[in-house]
Amino acid sequence: MTPHTSAPSDSVAWEESLRQWAQGFSSHTLGITLTALMRSVMPDREKPLLEVIAQQYQQPEEQRRWQIFAQAEMLGFSTPVGALALSQFLSRGSMAPDGLAPVYPEPQLSAQMLHCALVMLVTQLAESPVDGVRLLIERSAALEVA
C-alpha cells in the first residue's frame, strides 16, 4: 500500500515529503517499489540489472547478490540503479568474498544507500526535486492500481 503523502509545494518541503513518503514502507517494500519505478524510467541498458534486482528481492540468493554487486560496480554506484543495487547487497550477508572472514556492514548502510537511490531517482524524474517527488508519488500510486 502506498502511503498517502501529499506532494511538496515548495523547494524546502520536497525533502520532508520524500522522507515521509519513504517512511510509509519497510526497507524491503521500498526497494521493491523503487525497482519497479526504475524499470519504467531508466534506460534500456540498466533494465537487465533491475530485473536481477527484482528477482533478488523476491527470492534472495547469495550468488545472485554478488552478481548484482559486480554489475552495479561496472555501472557505478553513483547512479540510482547502482545505489539501489548496493543497498540490496548491503542488506544481507558478508561484504567479504568466500574464503575470507565475514565482514558485515553497519546495519544502517543499506537504508542509507536506499535513500541515496531514492534522491537520485527524484532528481532524474524532473528538473526540479519538487516536481520529481510529485512524479514519484504519482507513479508509485499508479503501480498499485496497475
N, C-alpha and C. Protein backbone atom coordinates (compact mmCIF):
# COMPACT_ATOMS: atom_id res chain seq x y z
N MET A 1 0.84 -1.18 0.00
CA MET A 1 0.00 0.00 0.00
C MET A 1 0.88 1.24 0.00
N THR A 2 0.64 2.15 -0.88
CA THR A 2 1.41 3.37 -0.96
C THR A 2 0.94 4.34 0.10
N PRO A 3 1.88 4.89 0.86
CA PRO A 3 1.49 5.89 1.85
C PRO A 3 0.88 7.11 1.13
N HIS A 4 -0.08 7.71 1.73
CA HIS A 4 -0.74 8.86 1.13
C HIS A 4 -0.09 10.12 1.67
N THR A 5 0.97 10.52 0.99
CA THR A 5 1.70 11.72 1.34
C THR A 5 1.40 12.74 0.25
N SER A 6 1.12 13.95 0.65
CA SER A 6 0.86 14.97 -0.35
C SER A 6 2.18 15.37 -1.00
N ALA A 7 2.09 15.77 -2.24
CA ALA A 7 3.27 16.20 -2.97
C ALA A 7 3.74 17.54 -2.40
N PRO A 8 5.02 17.80 -2.50
CA PRO A 8 5.56 19.05 -1.94
C PRO A 8 5.09 20.26 -2.74
N SER A 9 5.03 21.38 -2.06
CA SER A 9 4.58 22.59 -2.73
C SER A 9 5.69 23.63 -2.87
N ASP A 10 6.81 23.45 -2.21
CA ASP A 10 7.91 24.39 -2.37
C ASP A 10 9.24 23.66 -2.28
N SER A 11 10.29 24.37 -2.59
CA SER A 11 11.61 23.74 -2.70
C SER A 11 12.18 23.28 -1.37
N VAL A 12 11.67 23.77 -0.27
CA VAL A 12 12.15 23.33 1.03
C VAL A 12 11.45 22.04 1.47
N ALA A 13 10.20 21.91 1.09
CA ALA A 13 9.38 20.80 1.57
C ALA A 13 9.63 19.48 0.84
N TRP A 14 10.32 19.49 -0.30
CA TRP A 14 10.45 18.25 -1.06
C TRP A 14 11.17 17.17 -0.29
N GLU A 15 12.20 17.53 0.46
CA GLU A 15 12.94 16.52 1.22
C GLU A 15 12.07 15.91 2.32
N GLU A 16 11.29 16.73 2.98
CA GLU A 16 10.41 16.23 4.03
C GLU A 16 9.30 15.36 3.44
N SER A 17 8.74 15.78 2.32
CA SER A 17 7.70 14.97 1.66
C SER A 17 8.26 13.63 1.23
N LEU A 18 9.46 13.64 0.69
CA LEU A 18 10.12 12.40 0.26
C LEU A 18 10.38 11.49 1.45
N ARG A 19 10.87 12.05 2.53
CA ARG A 19 11.14 11.28 3.74
C ARG A 19 9.86 10.65 4.29
N GLN A 20 8.80 11.45 4.37
CA GLN A 20 7.53 10.94 4.87
C GLN A 20 6.98 9.84 3.98
N TRP A 21 7.06 10.04 2.69
CA TRP A 21 6.57 9.02 1.76
C TRP A 21 7.35 7.71 1.96
N ALA A 22 8.67 7.80 2.01
CA ALA A 22 9.52 6.61 2.15
C ALA A 22 9.29 5.91 3.48
N GLN A 23 9.02 6.66 4.55
CA GLN A 23 8.81 6.05 5.86
C GLN A 23 7.54 5.22 5.94
N GLY A 24 6.68 5.36 4.96
CA GLY A 24 5.47 4.57 4.93
C GLY A 24 5.69 3.13 4.46
N PHE A 25 6.92 2.82 4.09
CA PHE A 25 7.28 1.49 3.59
C PHE A 25 8.32 0.85 4.48
N SER A 26 8.35 -0.46 4.52
CA SER A 26 9.52 -1.14 5.09
C SER A 26 10.65 -0.97 4.07
N SER A 27 11.88 -1.16 4.49
CA SER A 27 13.01 -1.05 3.55
C SER A 27 12.85 -2.01 2.39
N HIS A 28 12.40 -3.22 2.69
CA HIS A 28 12.21 -4.22 1.65
C HIS A 28 11.17 -3.77 0.62
N THR A 29 10.03 -3.30 1.10
CA THR A 29 8.97 -2.85 0.20
C THR A 29 9.38 -1.61 -0.56
N LEU A 30 10.10 -0.71 0.08
CA LEU A 30 10.59 0.48 -0.62
C LEU A 30 11.54 0.07 -1.74
N GLY A 31 12.40 -0.90 -1.47
CA GLY A 31 13.31 -1.39 -2.51
C GLY A 31 12.57 -1.98 -3.69
N ILE A 32 11.55 -2.76 -3.42
CA ILE A 32 10.74 -3.36 -4.48
C ILE A 32 10.03 -2.25 -5.28
N THR A 33 9.50 -1.27 -4.58
CA THR A 33 8.81 -0.16 -5.24
C THR A 33 9.76 0.63 -6.11
N LEU A 34 10.94 0.95 -5.59
CA LEU A 34 11.93 1.70 -6.38
C LEU A 34 12.38 0.90 -7.59
N THR A 35 12.53 -0.40 -7.42
CA THR A 35 12.92 -1.24 -8.55
C THR A 35 11.87 -1.14 -9.65
N ALA A 36 10.60 -1.26 -9.28
CA ALA A 36 9.52 -1.17 -10.27
C ALA A 36 9.49 0.21 -10.94
N LEU A 37 9.65 1.25 -10.14
CA LEU A 37 9.65 2.60 -10.71
C LEU A 37 10.82 2.79 -11.66
N MET A 38 11.99 2.32 -11.26
CA MET A 38 13.17 2.48 -12.11
C MET A 38 13.05 1.68 -13.40
N ARG A 39 12.42 0.53 -13.32
CA ARG A 39 12.23 -0.27 -14.53
C ARG A 39 11.39 0.48 -15.56
N SER A 40 10.54 1.38 -15.11
CA SER A 40 9.70 2.12 -16.05
C SER A 40 10.35 3.40 -16.58
N VAL A 41 11.44 3.87 -15.96
CA VAL A 41 12.02 5.15 -16.38
C VAL A 41 13.50 5.11 -16.77
N MET A 42 14.20 4.06 -16.40
CA MET A 42 15.63 4.02 -16.67
C MET A 42 15.91 3.56 -18.11
N PRO A 43 17.10 3.91 -18.60
CA PRO A 43 17.47 3.49 -19.97
C PRO A 43 17.51 1.96 -20.08
N ASP A 44 17.31 1.47 -21.28
CA ASP A 44 17.27 0.03 -21.53
C ASP A 44 18.53 -0.69 -21.05
N ARG A 45 19.67 -0.04 -21.12
CA ARG A 45 20.93 -0.70 -20.72
C ARG A 45 20.96 -1.05 -19.22
N GLU A 46 20.13 -0.38 -18.43
CA GLU A 46 20.08 -0.64 -16.99
C GLU A 46 18.99 -1.63 -16.59
N LYS A 47 18.12 -1.96 -17.51
CA LYS A 47 16.98 -2.82 -17.19
C LYS A 47 17.37 -4.26 -16.87
N PRO A 48 18.39 -4.84 -17.51
CA PRO A 48 18.77 -6.20 -17.10
C PRO A 48 19.19 -6.28 -15.63
N LEU A 49 19.94 -5.30 -15.16
CA LEU A 49 20.33 -5.28 -13.74
C LEU A 49 19.10 -5.10 -12.86
N LEU A 50 18.17 -4.26 -13.26
CA LEU A 50 16.95 -4.08 -12.48
C LEU A 50 16.14 -5.37 -12.43
N GLU A 51 16.16 -6.15 -13.49
CA GLU A 51 15.46 -7.43 -13.49
C GLU A 51 16.07 -8.38 -12.46
N VAL A 52 17.39 -8.42 -12.41
CA VAL A 52 18.08 -9.28 -11.45
C VAL A 52 17.83 -8.79 -10.02
N ILE A 53 17.80 -7.48 -9.83
CA ILE A 53 17.50 -6.91 -8.52
C ILE A 53 16.09 -7.32 -8.09
N ALA A 54 15.14 -7.25 -9.02
CA ALA A 54 13.76 -7.65 -8.70
C ALA A 54 13.70 -9.12 -8.30
N GLN A 55 14.43 -9.97 -9.00
CA GLN A 55 14.48 -11.40 -8.66
C GLN A 55 15.05 -11.59 -7.26
N GLN A 56 16.09 -10.82 -6.94
CA GLN A 56 16.73 -10.95 -5.64
C GLN A 56 15.79 -10.54 -4.51
N TYR A 57 14.97 -9.51 -4.74
CA TYR A 57 14.00 -9.12 -3.71
C TYR A 57 12.98 -10.23 -3.49
N GLN A 58 12.61 -10.94 -4.56
CA GLN A 58 11.61 -11.99 -4.44
C GLN A 58 12.17 -13.28 -3.85
N GLN A 59 13.39 -13.62 -4.25
CA GLN A 59 13.99 -14.87 -3.78
C GLN A 59 15.51 -14.66 -3.62
N PRO A 60 15.94 -14.22 -2.45
CA PRO A 60 17.36 -13.93 -2.24
C PRO A 60 18.25 -15.16 -2.42
N GLU A 61 19.34 -14.95 -3.14
CA GLU A 61 20.36 -15.98 -3.33
C GLU A 61 21.72 -15.31 -3.23
N GLU A 62 22.64 -15.95 -2.53
CA GLU A 62 23.96 -15.36 -2.30
C GLU A 62 24.72 -15.14 -3.60
N GLN A 63 24.68 -16.10 -4.50
CA GLN A 63 25.40 -15.95 -5.77
C GLN A 63 24.85 -14.76 -6.57
N ARG A 64 23.53 -14.62 -6.60
CA ARG A 64 22.91 -13.50 -7.31
C ARG A 64 23.28 -12.18 -6.64
N ARG A 65 23.35 -12.17 -5.33
CA ARG A 65 23.72 -10.95 -4.60
C ARG A 65 25.08 -10.44 -5.07
N TRP A 66 26.03 -11.35 -5.24
CA TRP A 66 27.36 -10.98 -5.71
C TRP A 66 27.33 -10.58 -7.18
N GLN A 67 26.49 -11.22 -7.96
CA GLN A 67 26.33 -10.85 -9.38
C GLN A 67 25.82 -9.41 -9.47
N ILE A 68 24.85 -9.06 -8.65
CA ILE A 68 24.30 -7.71 -8.62
C ILE A 68 25.38 -6.71 -8.24
N PHE A 69 26.19 -7.05 -7.24
CA PHE A 69 27.26 -6.15 -6.83
C PHE A 69 28.23 -5.90 -7.98
N ALA A 70 28.64 -6.98 -8.68
CA ALA A 70 29.60 -6.85 -9.78
C ALA A 70 29.03 -5.99 -10.91
N GLN A 71 27.77 -6.21 -11.26
CA GLN A 71 27.14 -5.42 -12.32
C GLN A 71 26.99 -3.96 -11.91
N ALA A 72 26.63 -3.72 -10.67
CA ALA A 72 26.47 -2.36 -10.18
C ALA A 72 27.81 -1.64 -10.12
N GLU A 73 28.85 -2.38 -9.78
CA GLU A 73 30.19 -1.78 -9.73
C GLU A 73 30.58 -1.29 -11.12
N MET A 74 30.26 -2.07 -12.16
CA MET A 74 30.56 -1.65 -13.54
C MET A 74 29.70 -0.47 -13.96
N LEU A 75 28.44 -0.46 -13.54
CA LEU A 75 27.53 0.64 -13.86
C LEU A 75 27.92 1.91 -13.11
N GLY A 76 28.30 1.74 -11.86
CA GLY A 76 28.64 2.86 -11.00
C GLY A 76 27.65 3.00 -9.87
N PHE A 77 28.15 3.11 -8.67
CA PHE A 77 27.28 3.23 -7.50
C PHE A 77 26.70 4.63 -7.36
N SER A 78 27.16 5.56 -8.19
CA SER A 78 26.66 6.94 -8.12
C SER A 78 25.48 7.15 -9.07
N THR A 79 24.85 6.06 -9.49
CA THR A 79 23.63 6.13 -10.29
C THR A 79 22.48 5.61 -9.43
N PRO A 80 21.25 5.95 -9.77
CA PRO A 80 20.13 5.42 -8.98
C PRO A 80 20.11 3.89 -8.93
N VAL A 81 20.32 3.25 -10.06
CA VAL A 81 20.30 1.79 -10.10
C VAL A 81 21.49 1.22 -9.34
N GLY A 82 22.66 1.82 -9.50
CA GLY A 82 23.84 1.37 -8.76
C GLY A 82 23.67 1.49 -7.26
N ALA A 83 23.08 2.60 -6.82
CA ALA A 83 22.84 2.80 -5.38
C ALA A 83 21.80 1.80 -4.86
N LEU A 84 20.77 1.54 -5.65
CA LEU A 84 19.76 0.54 -5.27
C LEU A 84 20.41 -0.83 -5.15
N ALA A 85 21.24 -1.18 -6.11
CA ALA A 85 21.93 -2.47 -6.09
C ALA A 85 22.84 -2.58 -4.87
N LEU A 86 23.57 -1.53 -4.57
CA LEU A 86 24.45 -1.55 -3.40
C LEU A 86 23.64 -1.67 -2.12
N SER A 87 22.53 -0.99 -2.05
CA SER A 87 21.65 -1.11 -0.88
C SER A 87 21.22 -2.55 -0.69
N GLN A 88 20.82 -3.18 -1.77
CA GLN A 88 20.39 -4.56 -1.68
C GLN A 88 21.54 -5.47 -1.26
N PHE A 89 22.72 -5.26 -1.82
CA PHE A 89 23.89 -6.05 -1.47
C PHE A 89 24.19 -5.93 0.02
N LEU A 90 24.10 -4.71 0.55
CA LEU A 90 24.42 -4.46 1.95
C LEU A 90 23.34 -4.94 2.91
N SER A 91 22.17 -5.27 2.39
CA SER A 91 21.04 -5.60 3.26
C SER A 91 21.17 -6.97 3.91
N ARG A 92 22.02 -7.83 3.36
CA ARG A 92 22.19 -9.16 3.97
C ARG A 92 23.51 -9.74 3.52
N GLY A 93 24.11 -10.46 4.40
CA GLY A 93 25.34 -11.17 4.07
C GLY A 93 26.60 -10.37 4.28
N SER A 94 27.69 -11.08 4.14
CA SER A 94 29.02 -10.50 4.33
C SER A 94 29.45 -9.73 3.10
N MET A 95 30.30 -8.73 3.33
CA MET A 95 30.89 -7.98 2.22
C MET A 95 32.17 -8.63 1.74
N ALA A 96 32.66 -9.62 2.47
CA ALA A 96 33.90 -10.31 2.10
C ALA A 96 33.59 -11.49 1.18
N PRO A 97 34.42 -11.68 0.17
CA PRO A 97 34.21 -12.84 -0.72
C PRO A 97 34.40 -14.16 0.03
N ASP A 98 33.89 -15.23 -0.57
CA ASP A 98 34.06 -16.56 0.00
C ASP A 98 35.53 -16.83 0.27
N GLY A 99 35.79 -17.52 1.35
CA GLY A 99 37.16 -17.86 1.71
C GLY A 99 37.80 -16.88 2.67
N LEU A 100 37.21 -15.72 2.84
CA LEU A 100 37.73 -14.74 3.79
C LEU A 100 36.78 -14.64 4.97
N ALA A 101 37.31 -14.16 6.08
CA ALA A 101 36.47 -13.97 7.26
C ALA A 101 35.32 -13.01 6.93
N PRO A 102 34.11 -13.32 7.38
CA PRO A 102 32.97 -12.45 7.07
C PRO A 102 33.16 -11.04 7.63
N VAL A 103 32.72 -10.07 6.85
CA VAL A 103 32.73 -8.67 7.26
C VAL A 103 31.33 -8.14 6.96
N TYR A 104 30.62 -7.80 8.02
CA TYR A 104 29.23 -7.37 7.86
C TYR A 104 29.14 -5.85 7.92
N PRO A 105 28.30 -5.26 7.06
CA PRO A 105 28.15 -3.80 7.06
C PRO A 105 27.39 -3.32 8.29
N GLU A 106 27.57 -2.07 8.61
CA GLU A 106 26.79 -1.45 9.66
C GLU A 106 25.31 -1.54 9.26
N PRO A 107 24.42 -1.81 10.19
CA PRO A 107 23.01 -2.04 9.86
C PRO A 107 22.33 -0.91 9.09
N GLN A 108 22.72 0.33 9.33
CA GLN A 108 22.05 1.46 8.70
C GLN A 108 22.53 1.72 7.27
N LEU A 109 23.62 1.09 6.82
CA LEU A 109 24.17 1.40 5.49
C LEU A 109 23.21 1.06 4.36
N SER A 110 22.53 -0.05 4.46
CA SER A 110 21.59 -0.42 3.40
C SER A 110 20.48 0.62 3.27
N ALA A 111 19.92 1.04 4.38
CA ALA A 111 18.85 2.06 4.36
C ALA A 111 19.38 3.39 3.83
N GLN A 112 20.61 3.75 4.18
CA GLN A 112 21.19 5.00 3.70
C GLN A 112 21.38 4.96 2.18
N MET A 113 21.84 3.83 1.66
CA MET A 113 22.01 3.71 0.21
C MET A 113 20.65 3.70 -0.50
N LEU A 114 19.65 3.11 0.13
CA LEU A 114 18.31 3.13 -0.44
C LEU A 114 17.80 4.57 -0.54
N HIS A 115 18.07 5.35 0.50
CA HIS A 115 17.69 6.77 0.47
C HIS A 115 18.44 7.51 -0.64
N CYS A 116 19.72 7.21 -0.81
CA CYS A 116 20.50 7.83 -1.90
C CYS A 116 19.88 7.50 -3.25
N ALA A 117 19.52 6.23 -3.45
CA ALA A 117 18.88 5.83 -4.71
C ALA A 117 17.59 6.60 -4.92
N LEU A 118 16.83 6.77 -3.87
CA LEU A 118 15.56 7.49 -3.93
C LEU A 118 15.78 8.95 -4.33
N VAL A 119 16.73 9.62 -3.69
CA VAL A 119 17.00 11.02 -4.00
C VAL A 119 17.50 11.16 -5.45
N MET A 120 18.39 10.25 -5.87
CA MET A 120 18.90 10.32 -7.24
C MET A 120 17.77 10.10 -8.25
N LEU A 121 16.86 9.18 -7.95
CA LEU A 121 15.74 8.94 -8.85
C LEU A 121 14.87 10.19 -8.95
N VAL A 122 14.57 10.81 -7.83
CA VAL A 122 13.74 12.02 -7.83
C VAL A 122 14.38 13.11 -8.69
N THR A 123 15.69 13.26 -8.60
CA THR A 123 16.35 14.31 -9.37
C THR A 123 16.44 13.97 -10.85
N GLN A 124 16.29 12.70 -11.20
CA GLN A 124 16.27 12.32 -12.61
C GLN A 124 14.87 12.38 -13.21
N LEU A 125 13.86 12.27 -12.38
CA LEU A 125 12.48 12.28 -12.89
C LEU A 125 12.06 13.64 -13.41
N ALA A 126 12.62 14.71 -12.86
CA ALA A 126 12.22 16.05 -13.26
C ALA A 126 13.37 17.02 -13.02
N GLU A 127 13.24 18.17 -13.64
CA GLU A 127 14.29 19.17 -13.50
C GLU A 127 14.38 19.71 -12.06
N SER A 128 13.23 19.83 -11.41
CA SER A 128 13.26 20.29 -10.01
C SER A 128 12.90 19.12 -9.10
N PRO A 129 13.52 19.04 -7.92
CA PRO A 129 13.19 17.97 -6.99
C PRO A 129 11.73 18.00 -6.55
N VAL A 130 11.14 19.18 -6.49
CA VAL A 130 9.73 19.30 -6.10
C VAL A 130 8.88 18.51 -7.09
N ASP A 131 9.12 18.73 -8.38
CA ASP A 131 8.37 18.02 -9.41
C ASP A 131 8.74 16.53 -9.43
N GLY A 132 10.00 16.22 -9.14
CA GLY A 132 10.43 14.83 -9.09
C GLY A 132 9.72 14.04 -8.01
N VAL A 133 9.57 14.63 -6.83
CA VAL A 133 8.85 13.96 -5.74
C VAL A 133 7.38 13.78 -6.12
N ARG A 134 6.81 14.79 -6.72
CA ARG A 134 5.41 14.71 -7.15
C ARG A 134 5.24 13.55 -8.15
N LEU A 135 6.13 13.47 -9.12
CA LEU A 135 6.06 12.39 -10.11
C LEU A 135 6.28 11.02 -9.47
N LEU A 136 7.21 10.95 -8.54
CA LEU A 136 7.47 9.69 -7.85
C LEU A 136 6.22 9.20 -7.12
N ILE A 137 5.58 10.08 -6.39
CA ILE A 137 4.38 9.71 -5.64
C ILE A 137 3.26 9.30 -6.60
N GLU A 138 3.09 10.06 -7.66
CA GLU A 138 2.06 9.71 -8.65
C GLU A 138 2.33 8.36 -9.30
N ARG A 139 3.58 8.14 -9.71
CA ARG A 139 3.92 6.88 -10.39
C ARG A 139 3.83 5.68 -9.45
N SER A 140 4.18 5.89 -8.19
CA SER A 140 4.08 4.76 -7.25
C SER A 140 2.61 4.42 -7.00
N ALA A 141 1.74 5.43 -6.97
CA ALA A 141 0.31 5.17 -6.81
C ALA A 141 -0.23 4.45 -8.03
N ALA A 142 0.27 4.80 -9.21
CA ALA A 142 -0.18 4.14 -10.44
C ALA A 142 0.26 2.68 -10.46
N LEU A 143 1.41 2.37 -9.88
CA LEU A 143 1.88 0.99 -9.81
C LEU A 143 0.92 0.13 -9.01
N GLU A 144 0.37 0.68 -7.95
CA GLU A 144 -0.57 -0.05 -7.11
C GLU A 144 -1.85 -0.38 -7.85
N VAL A 145 -2.30 0.56 -8.68
CA VAL A 145 -3.55 0.40 -9.39
C VAL A 145 -3.39 -0.63 -10.50
N ALA A 146 -2.22 -0.61 -11.16
CA ALA A 146 -1.99 -1.48 -12.32
C ALA A 146 -1.91 -2.95 -11.94
